[in-house]
Amino acid sequence: MSKIETRKQLPSEDDIAAWVGAADAAPETASDLLAMLRDARVEYAAWKDAYRDSGAGSVQADILELEAQTTRIAEF
């Protein structure tokens, strides 16, 4: 559990099912969480591919170029 809480690993489908059962959450909650897990796995794979193909320096250079073209940057 601590690895999930500290974002060192994603939960598994079984972890989500156990949490939903322990929290007595609605079935829709389980569906929503499983969809988020699928999205997180896709994002992680895309992130790994971006860094594997061009390296961190290239990714940072792309971000620097975008920032240079920006007129306003907001943080949330």
C-alpha atoms as a PDB file:
ATOM      1  CA  MET A   1       0.000   0.000   0.000  1.00  0.00           C
ATOM      2  CA  SER A   2       2.778   2.457   0.829  1.00  0.00           C
ATOM      3  CA  LYS A   3       4.237   2.135  -2.689  1.00  0.00           C
ATOM      4  CA  ILE A   4       0.869   3.159  -4.126  1.00  0.00           C
ATOM      5  CA  GLU A   5       0.463   6.017  -1.661  1.00  0.00           C
ATOM      6  CA  THR A   6       3.955   7.339  -2.417  1.00  0.00           C
ATOM      7  CA  ARG A   7       3.455   6.928  -6.189  1.00  0.00           C
ATOM      8  CA  LYS A   8       6.253   4.374  -6.564  1.00  0.00           C
ATOM      9  CA  GLN A   9       3.899   1.961  -8.303  1.00  0.00           C
ATOM     10  CA  LEU A  10       0.437   1.983  -9.803  1.00  0.00           C
ATOM     11  CA  PRO A  11      -2.280  -0.055  -8.138  1.00  0.00           C
ATOM     12  CA  SER A  12      -3.338  -3.288  -9.765  1.00  0.00           C
ATOM     13  CA  GLU A  13      -6.907  -4.157 -10.681  1.00  0.00           C
ATOM     14  CA  ASP A  14      -6.967  -6.354  -7.570  1.00  0.00           C
ATOM     15  CA  ASP A  15      -5.810  -3.422  -5.407  1.00  0.00           C
ATOM     16  CA  ILE A  16      -8.643  -1.300  -6.756  1.00  0.00           C
ATOM     17  CA  ALA A  17     -11.187  -4.066  -6.223  1.00  0.00           C
ATOM     18  CA  ALA A  18      -9.986  -4.521  -2.626  1.00  0.00           C
ATOM     19  CA  TRP A  19     -10.206  -0.789  -1.926  1.00  0.00           C
ATOM     20  CA  VAL A  20     -13.678  -0.508  -3.462  1.00  0.00           C
ATOM     21  CA  GLY A  21     -14.833  -3.453  -1.336  1.00  0.00           C
ATOM     22  CA  ALA A  22     -13.265  -2.121   1.871  1.00  0.00           C
ATOM     23  CA  ALA A  23     -14.654   1.373   1.279  1.00  0.00           C
ATOM     24  CA  ASP A  24     -18.086  -0.015   0.353  1.00  0.00           C
ATOM     25  CA  ALA A  25     -17.920   2.218  -2.720  1.00  0.00           C
ATOM     26  CA  ALA A  26     -20.412   2.195  -5.559  1.00  0.00           C
ATOM     27  CA  PRO A  27     -19.752  -0.063  -8.570  1.00  0.00           C
ATOM     28  CA  GLU A  28     -19.436   3.066 -10.719  1.00  0.00           C
ATOM     29  CA  THR A  29     -16.472   4.082  -8.576  1.00  0.00           C
ATOM     30  CA  ALA A  30     -14.702   0.849  -9.450  1.00  0.00           C
ATOM     31  CA  SER A  31     -15.352   1.433 -13.147  1.00  0.00           C
ATOM     32  CA  ASP A  32     -14.075   5.004 -12.925  1.00  0.00           C
ATOM     33  CA  LEU A  33     -10.941   3.963 -11.044  1.00  0.00           C
ATOM     34  CA  LEU A  34     -10.196   1.157 -13.495  1.00  0.00           C
ATOM     35  CA  ALA A  35     -10.569   3.596 -16.400  1.00  0.00           C
ATOM     36  CA  MET A  36      -8.154   5.982 -14.660  1.00  0.00           C
ATOM     37  CA  LEU A  37      -5.710   3.116 -14.162  1.00  0.00           C
ATOM     38  CA  ARG A  38      -5.819   2.278 -17.870  1.00  0.00           C
ATOM     39  CA  ASP A  39      -5.229   5.950 -18.740  1.00  0.00           C
ATOM     40  CA  ALA A  40      -2.326   6.156 -16.274  1.00  0.00           C
ATOM     41  CA  ARG A  41      -0.697   3.095 -17.837  1.00  0.00           C
ATOM     42  CA  VAL A  42      -0.999   4.631 -21.311  1.00  0.00           C
ATOM     43  CA  GLU A  43       0.466   7.942 -20.097  1.00  0.00           C
ATOM     44  CA  TYR A  44       3.350   6.153 -18.397  1.00  0.00           C
ATOM     45  CA  ALA A  45       4.140   4.159 -21.533  1.00  0.00           C
ATOM     46  CA  ALA A  46       4.025   7.324 -23.666  1.00  0.00           C
ATOM     47  CA  TRP A  47       6.307   9.124 -21.207  1.00  0.00           C
ATOM     48  CA  LYS A  48       8.822   6.270 -21.262  1.00  0.00           C
ATOM     49  CA  ASP A  49       8.769   6.212 -25.065  1.00  0.00           C
ATOM     50  CA  ALA A  50       9.352   9.971 -25.302  1.00  0.00           C
ATOM     51  CA  TYR A  51      12.412   9.792 -23.077  1.00  0.00           C
ATOM     52  CA  ARG A  52      13.740   6.581 -24.595  1.00  0.00           C
ATOM     53  CA  ASP A  53      13.562   7.886 -28.161  1.00  0.00           C
ATOM     54  CA  SER A  54      15.054  11.347 -27.674  1.00  0.00           C
ATOM     55  CA  GLY A  55      16.430  11.545 -24.148  1.00  0.00           C
ATOM     56  CA  ALA A  56      15.536  13.945 -21.388  1.00  0.00           C
ATOM     57  CA  GLY A  57      17.598  16.781 -22.900  1.00  0.00           C
ATOM     58  CA  SER A  58      15.565  16.753 -26.084  1.00  0.00           C
ATOM     59  CA  VAL A  59      12.268  16.710 -24.208  1.00  0.00           C
ATOM     60  CA  GLN A  60      13.405  19.617 -22.044  1.00  0.00           C
ATOM     61  CA  ALA A  61      14.528  21.529 -25.170  1.00  0.00           C
ATOM     62  CA  ASP A  62      11.061  21.048 -26.678  1.00  0.00           C
ATOM     63  CA  ILE A  63       9.476  22.418 -23.498  1.00  0.00           C
ATOM     64  CA  LEU A  64      11.883  25.381 -23.488  1.00  0.00           C
ATOM     65  CA  GLU A  65      10.924  26.165 -27.087  1.00  0.00           C
ATOM     66  CA  LEU A  66       7.214  26.048 -26.207  1.00  0.00           C
ATOM     67  CA  GLU A  67       7.782  28.336 -23.223  1.00  0.00           C
ATOM     68  CA  ALA A  68       9.687  30.800 -25.411  1.00  0.00           C
ATOM     69  CA  GLN A  69       6.674  31.056 -27.716  1.00  0.00           C
ATOM     70  CA  THR A  70       4.232  31.514 -24.829  1.00  0.00           C
ATOM     71  CA  THR A  71       2.789  34.859 -23.823  1.00  0.00           C
ATOM     72  CA  ARG A  72       1.328  33.672 -20.521  1.00  0.00           C
ATOM     73  CA  ILE A  73       1.992  30.693 -18.286  1.00  0.00           C
ATOM     74  CA  ALA A  74      -0.441  29.824 -15.508  1.00  0.00           C
ATOM     75  CA  GLU A  75      -0.018  27.269 -12.758  1.00  0.00           C
ATOM     76  CA  PHE A  76      -2.766  25.383 -11.010  1.00  0.00           C
END
